[in-house]
Amino acid sequence: MKNIQLLSGIALIALSLTSCKDEKQEKAQKTIDAYVTYVDSVKNVKADDLKADWATVEAEYDRRAENAQLALADIKDNTAESEKINASKVKYEEFKKEMTTVLAPPAPSPKQQLRNALFGEGKIGDDMSFAWVNAQNIHNVYQQFVHTVEDNKDSYSREDWDEIKLMYEALDSRKNTVEKEGLSSEDNRKIAGLKVKFGPMYTLNRMGAKSDENKEAKK
């Protein structure tokens, strides 16, 4: 009788262990399936629609990917599941590349590119604010402006020259303010020399650009 009870106890323990193993495998399987489903669901959403929430999507992906990888240890023969995880990783990385393009800032307009070249990246935007120009840096600002124009004068279109003139006049206007804020006589003299160089260069090349465009229009 005691032997029967002992055998029954061993059988119950074995059944319990098997049941626990089955539960762990089932839970692991669900974790992996949830990861695969998540990747597929993300890929089915338009990239533009995910822009605002992309950081959240990435954080959730990382969490699910880590859990899926850990779950493999609870599956005895996990070759097929490992392949599923790897396939989803490839899918996600491909989609991530697409998102990188979507999330990239738009290329600046030709006008903004010109402003960036004349004054530095992002210094002058649509508001055309020159508040950052002061008595300490205005000579360098003029210097970069005039030298940039001089270096690229042969490549500017008539529209470029019109934009250059607009920017030049705005910088001159700022100079009138800066002169009252401690502009040194030496810097003022150097700026005057740069202005003397710019004037004829603008007039000559603006006329040349217009003439070239007229010739092109007649062809």
C-alpha atoms as a PDB file:
ATOM      1  CA  MET A   1       0.000   0.000   0.000  1.00  0.00           C
ATOM      2  CA  LYS A   2       2.850   2.319   0.949  1.00  0.00           C
ATOM      3  CA  ASN A   3       4.560   1.577  -2.386  1.00  0.00           C
ATOM      4  CA  ILE A   4       1.397   2.477  -4.254  1.00  0.00           C
ATOM      5  CA  GLN A   5       1.137   5.773  -2.374  1.00  0.00           C
ATOM      6  CA  LEU A   6       4.806   6.521  -3.030  1.00  0.00           C
ATOM      7  CA  LEU A   7       4.443   5.834  -6.745  1.00  0.00           C
ATOM      8  CA  SER A   8       1.331   7.960  -6.877  1.00  0.00           C
ATOM      9  CA  GLY A   9       3.198  10.807  -5.184  1.00  0.00           C
ATOM     10  CA  ILE A  10       6.086  10.576  -7.638  1.00  0.00           C
ATOM     11  CA  ALA A  11       3.644  10.545 -10.535  1.00  0.00           C
ATOM     12  CA  LEU A  12       1.910  13.663  -9.209  1.00  0.00           C
ATOM     13  CA  ILE A  13       5.246  15.466  -8.813  1.00  0.00           C
ATOM     14  CA  ALA A  14       6.276  14.489 -12.342  1.00  0.00           C
ATOM     15  CA  LEU A  15       2.906  15.624 -13.678  1.00  0.00           C
ATOM     16  CA  SER A  16       3.244  18.899 -11.800  1.00  0.00           C
ATOM     17  CA  LEU A  17       6.750  19.481 -13.182  1.00  0.00           C
ATOM     18  CA  THR A  18       5.564  18.658 -16.701  1.00  0.00           C
ATOM     19  CA  SER A  19       2.627  21.008 -16.257  1.00  0.00           C
ATOM     20  CA  CYS A  20       4.960  23.802 -15.086  1.00  0.00           C
ATOM     21  CA  LYS A  21       7.254  23.202 -18.061  1.00  0.00           C
ATOM     22  CA  ASP A  22       4.281  23.266 -20.410  1.00  0.00           C
ATOM     23  CA  GLU A  23       3.047  26.516 -18.868  1.00  0.00           C
ATOM     24  CA  LYS A  24       6.483  28.118 -19.193  1.00  0.00           C
ATOM     25  CA  GLN A  25       6.751  27.017 -22.816  1.00  0.00           C
ATOM     26  CA  GLU A  26       3.253  28.265 -23.540  1.00  0.00           C
ATOM     27  CA  LYS A  27       4.023  31.615 -21.918  1.00  0.00           C
ATOM     28  CA  ALA A  28       7.304  31.832 -23.831  1.00  0.00           C
ATOM     29  CA  GLN A  29       5.501  31.035 -27.071  1.00  0.00           C
ATOM     30  CA  LYS A  30       2.959  33.789 -26.421  1.00  0.00           C
ATOM     31  CA  THR A  31       5.752  36.272 -25.666  1.00  0.00           C
ATOM     32  CA  ILE A  32       7.467  35.485 -28.957  1.00  0.00           C
ATOM     33  CA  ASP A  33       4.194  35.594 -30.893  1.00  0.00           C
ATOM     34  CA  ALA A  34       3.401  38.970 -29.315  1.00  0.00           C
ATOM     35  CA  TYR A  35       6.783  40.291 -30.479  1.00  0.00           C
ATOM     36  CA  VAL A  36       6.247  39.054 -34.029  1.00  0.00           C
ATOM     37  CA  THR A  37       2.720  40.507 -34.088  1.00  0.00           C
ATOM     38  CA  TYR A  38       3.973  43.844 -32.791  1.00  0.00           C
ATOM     39  CA  VAL A  39       6.557  44.133 -35.571  1.00  0.00           C
ATOM     40  CA  ASP A  40       3.956  43.264 -38.204  1.00  0.00           C
ATOM     41  CA  SER A  41       1.486  45.785 -36.775  1.00  0.00           C
ATOM     42  CA  VAL A  42       4.104  48.551 -36.772  1.00  0.00           C
ATOM     43  CA  LYS A  43       5.033  47.807 -40.382  1.00  0.00           C
ATOM     44  CA  ASN A  44       1.375  48.100 -41.390  1.00  0.00           C
ATOM     45  CA  VAL A  45       1.188  51.708 -40.204  1.00  0.00           C
ATOM     46  CA  LYS A  46       2.282  54.436 -42.612  1.00  0.00           C
ATOM     47  CA  ALA A  47       5.666  55.839 -41.670  1.00  0.00           C
ATOM     48  CA  ASP A  48       4.327  59.417 -41.705  1.00  0.00           C
ATOM     49  CA  ASP A  49       1.669  58.463 -39.159  1.00  0.00           C
ATOM     50  CA  LEU A  50       4.315  57.205 -36.720  1.00  0.00           C
ATOM     51  CA  LYS A  51       6.532  60.297 -36.702  1.00  0.00           C
ATOM     52  CA  ALA A  52       5.071  61.825 -33.549  1.00  0.00           C
ATOM     53  CA  ASP A  53       5.179  58.563 -31.574  1.00  0.00           C
ATOM     54  CA  TRP A  54       8.360  57.014 -32.956  1.00  0.00           C
ATOM     55  CA  ALA A  55      10.286  57.220 -29.678  1.00  0.00           C
ATOM     56  CA  THR A  56       7.489  55.297 -27.936  1.00  0.00           C
ATOM     57  CA  VAL A  57       7.382  52.718 -30.730  1.00  0.00           C
ATOM     58  CA  GLU A  58      11.135  52.128 -30.454  1.00  0.00           C
ATOM     59  CA  ALA A  59      11.017  51.787 -26.669  1.00  0.00           C
ATOM     60  CA  GLU A  60       8.190  49.256 -26.897  1.00  0.00           C
ATOM     61  CA  TYR A  61      10.004  47.344 -29.618  1.00  0.00           C
ATOM     62  CA  ASP A  62      13.164  47.115 -27.518  1.00  0.00           C
ATOM     63  CA  ARG A  63      11.168  45.795 -24.558  1.00  0.00           C
ATOM     64  CA  ARG A  64       9.348  43.157 -26.611  1.00  0.00           C
ATOM     65  CA  ALA A  65      12.511  42.131 -28.469  1.00  0.00           C
ATOM     66  CA  GLU A  66      14.361  41.595 -25.194  1.00  0.00           C
ATOM     67  CA  ASN A  67      11.489  39.565 -23.714  1.00  0.00           C
ATOM     68  CA  ALA A  68      11.237  37.426 -26.849  1.00  0.00           C
ATOM     69  CA  GLN A  69      14.955  36.696 -26.751  1.00  0.00           C
ATOM     70  CA  LEU A  70      14.753  35.669 -23.077  1.00  0.00           C
ATOM     71  CA  ALA A  71      11.711  33.501 -23.788  1.00  0.00           C
ATOM     72  CA  LEU A  72      13.745  31.283 -26.125  1.00  0.00           C
ATOM     73  CA  ALA A  73      15.438  29.727 -23.091  1.00  0.00           C
ATOM     74  CA  ASP A  74      12.071  28.341 -21.932  1.00  0.00           C
ATOM     75  CA  ILE A  75      11.435  26.461 -25.181  1.00  0.00           C
ATOM     76  CA  LYS A  76      13.215  23.140 -25.507  1.00  0.00           C
ATOM     77  CA  ASP A  77      13.429  22.974 -29.289  1.00  0.00           C
ATOM     78  CA  ASN A  78      13.515  26.661 -30.155  1.00  0.00           C
ATOM     79  CA  THR A  79      15.008  26.583 -33.644  1.00  0.00           C
ATOM     80  CA  ALA A  80      11.755  27.574 -35.340  1.00  0.00           C
ATOM     81  CA  GLU A  81      11.032  30.287 -32.781  1.00  0.00           C
ATOM     82  CA  SER A  82      14.547  31.666 -33.097  1.00  0.00           C
ATOM     83  CA  GLU A  83      14.061  31.940 -36.855  1.00  0.00           C
ATOM     84  CA  LYS A  84      10.766  33.789 -36.315  1.00  0.00           C
ATOM     85  CA  ILE A  85      12.475  36.282 -34.034  1.00  0.00           C
ATOM     86  CA  ASN A  86      15.326  36.844 -36.492  1.00  0.00           C
ATOM     87  CA  ALA A  87      12.903  37.325 -39.380  1.00  0.00           C
ATOM     88  CA  SER A  88      11.008  39.960 -37.390  1.00  0.00           C
ATOM     89  CA  LYS A  89      14.274  41.685 -36.500  1.00  0.00           C
ATOM     90  CA  VAL A  90      15.117  41.992 -40.190  1.00  0.00           C
ATOM     91  CA  LYS A  91      11.626  43.364 -40.930  1.00  0.00           C
ATOM     92  CA  TYR A  92      11.932  45.939 -38.182  1.00  0.00           C
ATOM     93  CA  GLU A  93      15.409  47.090 -39.207  1.00  0.00           C
ATOM     94  CA  GLU A  94      14.211  47.587 -42.787  1.00  0.00           C
ATOM     95  CA  PHE A  95      11.257  49.627 -41.544  1.00  0.00           C
ATOM     96  CA  LYS A  96      13.558  51.581 -39.227  1.00  0.00           C
ATOM     97  CA  LYS A  97      15.648  52.651 -42.233  1.00  0.00           C
ATOM     98  CA  GLU A  98      12.479  53.939 -43.881  1.00  0.00           C
ATOM     99  CA  MET A  99      11.619  55.848 -40.718  1.00  0.00           C
ATOM    100  CA  THR A 100      15.097  57.393 -40.639  1.00  0.00           C
ATOM    101  CA  THR A 101      14.343  58.984 -44.001  1.00  0.00           C
ATOM    102  CA  VAL A 102      10.927  60.171 -42.857  1.00  0.00           C
ATOM    103  CA  LEU A 103      12.289  61.643 -39.629  1.00  0.00           C
ATOM    104  CA  ALA A 104      15.186  63.434 -41.325  1.00  0.00           C
ATOM    105  CA  PRO A 105      14.717  67.216 -41.402  1.00  0.00           C
ATOM    106  CA  PRO A 106      13.682  68.552 -44.810  1.00  0.00           C
ATOM    107  CA  ALA A 107      16.424  69.977 -46.973  1.00  0.00           C
ATOM    108  CA  PRO A 108      16.580  73.771 -46.715  1.00  0.00           C
ATOM    109  CA  SER A 109      15.159  75.770 -49.608  1.00  0.00           C
ATOM    110  CA  PRO A 110      17.587  77.342 -52.108  1.00  0.00           C
ATOM    111  CA  LYS A 111      16.982  80.704 -50.435  1.00  0.00           C
ATOM    112  CA  GLN A 112      17.801  79.296 -47.000  1.00  0.00           C
ATOM    113  CA  GLN A 113      20.887  77.556 -48.367  1.00  0.00           C
ATOM    114  CA  LEU A 114      22.100  80.912 -49.661  1.00  0.00           C
ATOM    115  CA  ARG A 115      21.461  82.565 -46.298  1.00  0.00           C
ATOM    116  CA  ASN A 116      23.309  79.752 -44.532  1.00  0.00           C
ATOM    117  CA  ALA A 117      26.307  80.283 -46.801  1.00  0.00           C
ATOM    118  CA  LEU A 118      26.324  84.040 -46.282  1.00  0.00           C
ATOM    119  CA  PHE A 119      25.884  84.093 -42.510  1.00  0.00           C
ATOM    120  CA  GLY A 120      26.326  80.590 -41.134  1.00  0.00           C
ATOM    121  CA  GLU A 121      24.011  77.629 -40.626  1.00  0.00           C
ATOM    122  CA  GLY A 122      20.616  78.728 -39.317  1.00  0.00           C
ATOM    123  CA  LYS A 123      21.727  82.250 -38.400  1.00  0.00           C
ATOM    124  CA  ILE A 124      19.113  83.937 -40.588  1.00  0.00           C
ATOM    125  CA  GLY A 125      15.673  82.358 -40.905  1.00  0.00           C
ATOM    126  CA  ASP A 126      12.355  83.505 -42.324  1.00  0.00           C
ATOM    127  CA  ASP A 127      12.080  86.148 -39.592  1.00  0.00           C
ATOM    128  CA  MET A 128      15.237  87.808 -40.959  1.00  0.00           C
ATOM    129  CA  SER A 129      16.352  88.683 -37.429  1.00  0.00           C
ATOM    130  CA  PHE A 130      19.843  90.146 -37.100  1.00  0.00           C
ATOM    131  CA  ALA A 131      19.621  90.512 -33.323  1.00  0.00           C
ATOM    132  CA  TRP A 132      22.577  88.146 -32.941  1.00  0.00           C
ATOM    133  CA  VAL A 133      24.851  90.627 -34.749  1.00  0.00           C
ATOM    134  CA  ASN A 134      26.611  92.913 -32.275  1.00  0.00           C
ATOM    135  CA  ALA A 135      29.563  95.276 -31.990  1.00  0.00           C
ATOM    136  CA  GLN A 136      31.920  92.395 -31.263  1.00  0.00           C
ATOM    137  CA  ASN A 137      31.074  90.209 -34.276  1.00  0.00           C
ATOM    138  CA  ILE A 138      29.702  92.520 -36.961  1.00  0.00           C
ATOM    139  CA  HIS A 139      33.044  92.902 -38.745  1.00  0.00           C
ATOM    140  CA  ASN A 140      33.352  89.107 -39.025  1.00  0.00           C
ATOM    141  CA  VAL A 141      29.772  88.917 -40.288  1.00  0.00           C
ATOM    142  CA  TYR A 142      30.482  91.435 -43.045  1.00  0.00           C
ATOM    143  CA  GLN A 143      33.726  89.677 -43.861  1.00  0.00           C
ATOM    144  CA  GLN A 144      32.068  86.278 -44.280  1.00  0.00           C
ATOM    145  CA  PHE A 145      29.252  87.818 -46.297  1.00  0.00           C
ATOM    146  CA  VAL A 146      31.452  89.703 -48.765  1.00  0.00           C
ATOM    147  CA  HIS A 147      34.035  86.939 -49.159  1.00  0.00           C
ATOM    148  CA  THR A 148      31.324  84.324 -49.733  1.00  0.00           C
ATOM    149  CA  VAL A 149      29.750  86.487 -52.422  1.00  0.00           C
ATOM    150  CA  GLU A 150      33.152  87.070 -54.005  1.00  0.00           C
ATOM    151  CA  ASP A 151      33.952  83.343 -54.067  1.00  0.00           C
ATOM    152  CA  ASN A 152      30.613  82.387 -55.639  1.00  0.00           C
ATOM    153  CA  LYS A 153      29.747  85.411 -57.767  1.00  0.00           C
ATOM    154  CA  ASP A 154      29.974  83.497 -61.046  1.00  0.00           C
ATOM    155  CA  SER A 155      27.391  80.922 -59.960  1.00  0.00           C
ATOM    156  CA  TYR A 156      24.626  83.231 -58.700  1.00  0.00           C
ATOM    157  CA  SER A 157      21.392  83.719 -60.620  1.00  0.00           C
ATOM    158  CA  ARG A 158      19.557  87.028 -60.844  1.00  0.00           C
ATOM    159  CA  GLU A 159      17.218  85.829 -58.069  1.00  0.00           C
ATOM    160  CA  ASP A 160      20.246  85.006 -55.929  1.00  0.00           C
ATOM    161  CA  TRP A 161      21.610  88.501 -56.397  1.00  0.00           C
ATOM    162  CA  ASP A 162      18.263  89.997 -55.425  1.00  0.00           C
ATOM    163  CA  GLU A 163      18.306  87.919 -52.241  1.00  0.00           C
ATOM    164  CA  ILE A 164      21.916  88.928 -51.580  1.00  0.00           C
ATOM    165  CA  LYS A 165      20.985  92.613 -51.934  1.00  0.00           C
ATOM    166  CA  LEU A 166      18.069  92.136 -49.544  1.00  0.00           C
ATOM    167  CA  MET A 167      20.338  90.501 -46.957  1.00  0.00           C
ATOM    168  CA  TYR A 168      23.024  93.149 -47.433  1.00  0.00           C
ATOM    169  CA  GLU A 169      20.568  95.971 -46.815  1.00  0.00           C
ATOM    170  CA  ALA A 170      19.249  94.227 -43.698  1.00  0.00           C
ATOM    171  CA  LEU A 171      22.811  93.828 -42.401  1.00  0.00           C
ATOM    172  CA  ASP A 172      23.477  97.502 -43.115  1.00  0.00           C
ATOM    173  CA  SER A 173      20.378  98.402 -41.146  1.00  0.00           C
ATOM    174  CA  ARG A 174      21.662  96.371 -38.213  1.00  0.00           C
ATOM    175  CA  LYS A 175      25.013  98.177 -38.481  1.00  0.00           C
ATOM    176  CA  ASN A 176      23.265 101.500 -37.906  1.00  0.00           C
ATOM    177  CA  THR A 177      22.062 100.147 -34.569  1.00  0.00           C
ATOM    178  CA  VAL A 178      25.360  98.506 -33.657  1.00  0.00           C
ATOM    179  CA  GLU A 179      27.267 101.755 -34.251  1.00  0.00           C
ATOM    180  CA  LYS A 180      25.481 103.175 -31.209  1.00  0.00           C
ATOM    181  CA  GLU A 181      26.387 100.135 -29.111  1.00  0.00           C
ATOM    182  CA  GLY A 182      30.153 100.463 -29.039  1.00  0.00           C
ATOM    183  CA  LEU A 183      31.368  99.567 -32.544  1.00  0.00           C
ATOM    184  CA  SER A 184      35.086 100.316 -32.622  1.00  0.00           C
ATOM    185  CA  SER A 185      36.452 102.812 -35.135  1.00  0.00           C
ATOM    186  CA  GLU A 186      38.861 100.173 -36.438  1.00  0.00           C
ATOM    187  CA  ASP A 187      36.064  97.681 -37.160  1.00  0.00           C
ATOM    188  CA  ASN A 188      34.005 100.469 -38.693  1.00  0.00           C
ATOM    189  CA  ARG A 189      36.889 101.285 -41.025  1.00  0.00           C
ATOM    190  CA  LYS A 190      37.317  97.634 -42.031  1.00  0.00           C
ATOM    191  CA  ILE A 191      33.588  97.305 -42.687  1.00  0.00           C
ATOM    192  CA  ALA A 192      33.722 100.409 -44.875  1.00  0.00           C
ATOM    193  CA  GLY A 193      36.414  98.722 -46.962  1.00  0.00           C
ATOM    194  CA  LEU A 194      34.278  95.612 -47.373  1.00  0.00           C
ATOM    195  CA  LYS A 195      31.304  97.745 -48.439  1.00  0.00           C
ATOM    196  CA  VAL A 196      33.451  99.453 -51.071  1.00  0.00           C
ATOM    197  CA  LYS A 197      34.356  96.027 -52.436  1.00  0.00           C
ATOM    198  CA  PHE A 198      30.782  94.739 -52.398  1.00  0.00           C
ATOM    199  CA  GLY A 199      29.063  97.645 -54.195  1.00  0.00           C
ATOM    200  CA  PRO A 200      30.685  97.375 -57.656  1.00  0.00           C
ATOM    201  CA  MET A 201      30.822  93.579 -57.413  1.00  0.00           C
ATOM    202  CA  TYR A 202      27.075  93.429 -56.878  1.00  0.00           C
ATOM    203  CA  THR A 203      26.225  95.898 -59.643  1.00  0.00           C
ATOM    204  CA  LEU A 204      28.428  94.255 -62.266  1.00  0.00           C
ATOM    205  CA  ASN A 205      27.477  90.672 -61.531  1.00  0.00           C
ATOM    206  CA  ARG A 206      23.759  91.372 -61.080  1.00  0.00           C
ATOM    207  CA  MET A 207      23.729  92.926 -64.556  1.00  0.00           C
ATOM    208  CA  GLY A 208      25.702  89.977 -65.945  1.00  0.00           C
ATOM    209  CA  ALA A 209      23.296  87.455 -64.456  1.00  0.00           C
ATOM    210  CA  LYS A 210      20.314  89.279 -65.923  1.00  0.00           C
ATOM    211  CA  SER A 211      22.004  89.435 -69.317  1.00  0.00           C
ATOM    212  CA  ASP A 212      22.716  85.700 -69.221  1.00  0.00           C
ATOM    213  CA  GLU A 213      19.091  84.944 -68.378  1.00  0.00           C
ATOM    214  CA  ASN A 214      17.881  87.109 -71.261  1.00  0.00           C
ATOM    215  CA  LYS A 215      20.149  85.202 -73.645  1.00  0.00           C
ATOM    216  CA  GLU A 216      18.803  81.893 -72.360  1.00  0.00           C
ATOM    217  CA  ALA A 217      15.234  83.112 -72.790  1.00  0.00           C
ATOM    218  CA  LYS A 218      15.861  83.942 -76.455  1.00  0.00           C
ATOM    219  CA  LYS A 219      17.138  80.452 -77.274  1.00  0.00           C
END
